[in-house]
Amino acid sequence: MTEEVRRRQHERRRQIIPPFLREYWVEIAIVIGLALGLFLMFERIQIRVTLVRGLNAAIRWGVGAASQTADTLIRFVTTLGLSELIAIPLLLIVLLITAWRVRWRAQHTPALTDLHCPRCKGNIHRVHRHMTDRLISIIVPVRRYHCTNRECGWSGIRVAAHTHKRHPRASSG
């Protein structure tokens, strides 16, 4: 990452946080901690009892939801015929093979793995990914890049090219 990119990211972060909070965040945290400590020292609420009741209710709800889900799943499976019992795993296998093949094709397609700008053929550098990029990476590993040419301004994703990772062999002798 270039120094210019780091400077811009730092400047964006500074703009988000108000100057007052940037300057006095430690003092604010001290006051909040002091107020919370005094409140907990003199409060009349039964915090432990409330937490235990809430946790107990959450566990009861979770167990009930799991039991209901298991009953529904058992009812669903028992109503299936032999053809459905064969079709469902077959379709899942085909889906997994298709995802694997899409990934393989994407990683071996030069147009998707080329580390040059698709508009101006200039140099590109990596930047932080968006949430959608992370979701795409579940199937195909992608990285986000930005063109270094200021006139171009291209930003997009490139597929991480497949590389064989060779494990170093123990030397015999």
Protein backbone atom coordinates (compact mmCIF):
# COMPACT_ATOMS: atom_id res chain seq x y z
CA MET A 1 0.00 0.00 0.00
CA THR A 2 1.48 3.35 -1.00
CA GLU A 3 2.03 6.20 1.41
CA GLU A 4 -0.56 8.30 -0.45
CA VAL A 5 -3.27 5.65 0.06
CA ARG A 6 -2.43 5.32 3.76
CA ARG A 7 -2.59 9.10 4.16
CA ARG A 8 -6.03 9.28 2.47
CA GLN A 9 -7.40 6.44 4.61
CA HIS A 10 -6.10 8.11 7.78
CA GLU A 11 -7.65 11.42 6.70
CA ARG A 12 -11.05 9.71 6.07
CA ARG A 13 -10.96 8.19 9.56
CA ARG A 14 -10.15 11.57 11.08
CA GLN A 15 -13.14 13.14 9.31
CA ILE A 16 -15.54 10.54 10.75
CA ILE A 17 -14.55 11.10 14.39
CA PRO A 18 -15.43 14.60 15.73
CA PRO A 19 -12.42 16.63 16.93
CA PHE A 20 -13.79 16.80 20.50
CA LEU A 21 -13.87 12.98 20.74
CA ARG A 22 -10.41 12.65 19.17
CA GLU A 23 -8.99 15.05 21.75
CA TYR A 24 -10.80 13.93 24.92
CA TRP A 25 -11.66 10.24 24.39
CA VAL A 26 -9.62 9.10 27.40
CA GLU A 27 -11.25 11.63 29.72
CA ILE A 28 -14.71 10.68 28.42
CA ALA A 29 -13.96 6.98 29.06
CA ILE A 30 -12.83 7.84 32.61
CA VAL A 31 -16.04 9.76 33.36
CA ILE A 32 -18.21 6.96 31.92
CA GLY A 33 -16.29 4.36 33.97
CA LEU A 34 -16.62 6.45 37.13
CA ALA A 35 -20.36 6.96 36.59
CA LEU A 36 -20.92 3.26 35.89
CA GLY A 37 -18.89 2.25 38.95
CA LEU A 38 -20.85 4.59 41.23
CA PHE A 39 -24.15 3.43 39.75
CA LEU A 40 -23.27 -0.24 40.29
CA MET A 41 -22.09 0.51 43.83
CA PHE A 42 -25.39 2.08 44.97
CA GLU A 43 -27.99 0.51 42.67
CA ARG A 44 -30.88 -1.48 44.12
CA ILE A 45 -31.51 -3.63 41.04
CA GLN A 46 -30.80 -7.35 41.31
CA ILE A 47 -28.52 -7.54 38.25
CA ARG A 48 -27.45 -11.13 38.82
CA VAL A 49 -31.05 -12.35 39.20
CA THR A 50 -32.09 -10.46 36.06
CA LEU A 51 -29.19 -11.91 34.06
CA VAL A 52 -29.87 -15.46 35.27
CA ARG A 53 -33.57 -15.15 34.39
CA GLY A 54 -32.74 -13.80 30.93
CA LEU A 55 -30.17 -16.54 30.30
CA ASN A 56 -32.61 -19.20 31.51
CA ALA A 57 -35.34 -17.89 29.16
CA ALA A 58 -32.87 -17.79 26.24
CA ILE A 59 -31.78 -21.39 26.87
CA ARG A 60 -35.40 -22.56 27.14
CA TRP A 61 -36.23 -20.78 23.87
CA GLY A 62 -33.15 -22.27 22.14
CA VAL A 63 -33.97 -25.80 23.29
CA GLY A 64 -37.60 -25.39 22.20
CA ALA A 65 -36.58 -24.03 18.79
CA ALA A 66 -34.08 -26.88 18.29
CA SER A 67 -36.70 -29.47 19.27
CA GLN A 68 -39.27 -27.97 16.92
CA THR A 69 -36.73 -27.85 14.07
CA ALA A 70 -35.77 -31.49 14.66
CA ASP A 71 -39.45 -32.56 14.66
CA THR A 72 -40.08 -30.67 11.40
CA LEU A 73 -36.97 -32.18 9.79
CA ILE A 74 -37.96 -35.72 10.86
CA ARG A 75 -41.51 -35.21 9.52
CA PHE A 76 -40.06 -33.91 6.23
CA VAL A 77 -37.63 -36.81 5.78
CA THR A 78 -40.25 -39.46 6.63
CA THR A 79 -42.62 -38.10 3.95
CA LEU A 80 -39.98 -38.30 1.22
CA GLY A 81 -40.05 -41.07 -1.33
CA LEU A 82 -37.04 -43.02 -2.58
CA SER A 83 -36.66 -40.82 -5.66
CA GLU A 84 -36.41 -37.66 -3.49
CA LEU A 85 -33.92 -39.35 -1.15
CA ILE A 86 -31.72 -40.05 -4.17
CA ALA A 87 -32.36 -36.70 -5.94
CA ILE A 88 -31.50 -34.38 -3.03
CA PRO A 89 -27.93 -35.67 -2.40
CA LEU A 90 -27.38 -35.92 -6.16
CA LEU A 91 -28.40 -32.28 -6.66
CA LEU A 92 -26.20 -31.18 -3.76
CA ILE A 93 -23.22 -33.01 -5.27
CA VAL A 94 -23.89 -31.46 -8.69
CA LEU A 95 -24.13 -28.00 -7.07
CA LEU A 96 -20.80 -28.48 -5.28
CA ILE A 97 -19.09 -29.72 -8.46
CA THR A 98 -20.50 -26.74 -10.38
CA ALA A 99 -19.19 -24.30 -7.74
CA TRP A 100 -15.79 -26.02 -7.82
CA ARG A 101 -15.69 -25.81 -11.64
CA VAL A 102 -16.71 -22.12 -11.68
CA ARG A 103 -13.90 -21.45 -9.20
CA TRP A 104 -11.39 -23.42 -11.30
CA ARG A 105 -12.43 -21.65 -14.52
CA ALA A 106 -12.25 -18.21 -12.91
CA GLN A 107 -8.79 -18.90 -11.46
CA HIS A 108 -7.49 -20.08 -14.84
CA THR A 109 -9.00 -17.33 -17.02
CA PRO A 110 -6.31 -14.76 -17.90
CA ALA A 111 -8.84 -11.94 -18.39
CA LEU A 112 -9.99 -12.31 -14.76
CA THR A 113 -6.59 -12.88 -13.15
CA ASP A 114 -4.55 -10.25 -15.06
CA LEU A 115 -3.07 -7.73 -12.63
CA HIS A 116 -3.30 -4.78 -15.00
CA CYS A 117 -6.09 -2.25 -15.37
CA PRO A 118 -8.74 -3.55 -17.82
CA ARG A 119 -9.34 0.02 -19.10
CA CYS A 120 -5.90 1.56 -19.56
CA LYS A 121 -3.65 -1.52 -19.06
CA GLY A 122 -1.81 0.42 -16.32
CA ASN A 123 -0.65 -0.79 -12.94
CA ILE A 124 -3.13 -1.56 -10.18
CA HIS A 125 -2.73 -1.87 -6.41
CA ARG A 126 -4.73 -3.75 -3.80
CA VAL A 127 -7.25 -1.96 -1.60
CA HIS A 128 -9.67 -3.13 1.09
CA ARG A 129 -12.48 -5.40 -0.07
CA HIS A 130 -16.19 -4.60 0.21
CA MET A 131 -18.64 -6.95 1.92
CA THR A 132 -19.89 -8.21 -1.47
CA ASP A 133 -16.30 -9.07 -2.41
CA ARG A 134 -16.04 -11.19 0.73
CA LEU A 135 -19.26 -12.98 -0.14
CA ILE A 136 -18.01 -13.69 -3.67
CA SER A 137 -14.78 -15.04 -2.15
CA ILE A 138 -16.75 -17.88 -0.58
CA ILE A 139 -16.85 -19.46 -4.04
CA VAL A 140 -14.13 -17.65 -6.00
CA PRO A 141 -11.24 -15.93 -4.19
CA VAL A 142 -11.27 -12.29 -5.29
CA ARG A 143 -9.26 -9.24 -4.35
CA ARG A 144 -10.15 -5.58 -4.90
CA TYR A 145 -7.78 -3.36 -6.86
CA HIS A 146 -7.58 0.30 -7.86
CA CYS A 147 -5.81 1.70 -10.93
CA THR A 148 -2.75 3.84 -10.15
CA ASN A 149 -3.45 6.04 -13.18
CA ARG A 150 -5.37 9.07 -11.83
CA GLU A 151 -7.08 9.77 -15.17
CA CYS A 152 -8.44 6.21 -15.38
CA GLY A 153 -9.75 5.76 -11.82
CA TRP A 154 -10.81 2.12 -12.38
CA SER A 155 -11.64 0.15 -9.27
CA GLY A 156 -12.78 -3.47 -9.30
CA ILE A 157 -12.09 -7.05 -8.39
CA ARG A 158 -9.64 -9.52 -9.84
CA VAL A 159 -9.69 -13.24 -9.24
CA ALA A 160 -6.77 -14.57 -7.23
CA ALA A 161 -4.91 -16.79 -9.67
CA HIS A 162 -4.49 -20.43 -8.70
CA THR A 163 -0.99 -21.22 -7.51
CA HIS A 164 0.29 -24.63 -6.57
CA LYS A 165 1.68 -24.50 -3.08
CA ARG A 166 4.55 -26.90 -2.91
CA HIS A 167 5.53 -28.20 0.46
CA PRO A 168 9.28 -28.25 1.01
CA ARG A 169 10.47 -31.81 1.02
CA ALA A 170 12.63 -33.01 3.81
CA SER A 171 16.11 -33.49 2.49
CA SER A 172 17.15 -37.11 2.59
CA GLY A 173 20.65 -37.85 3.64
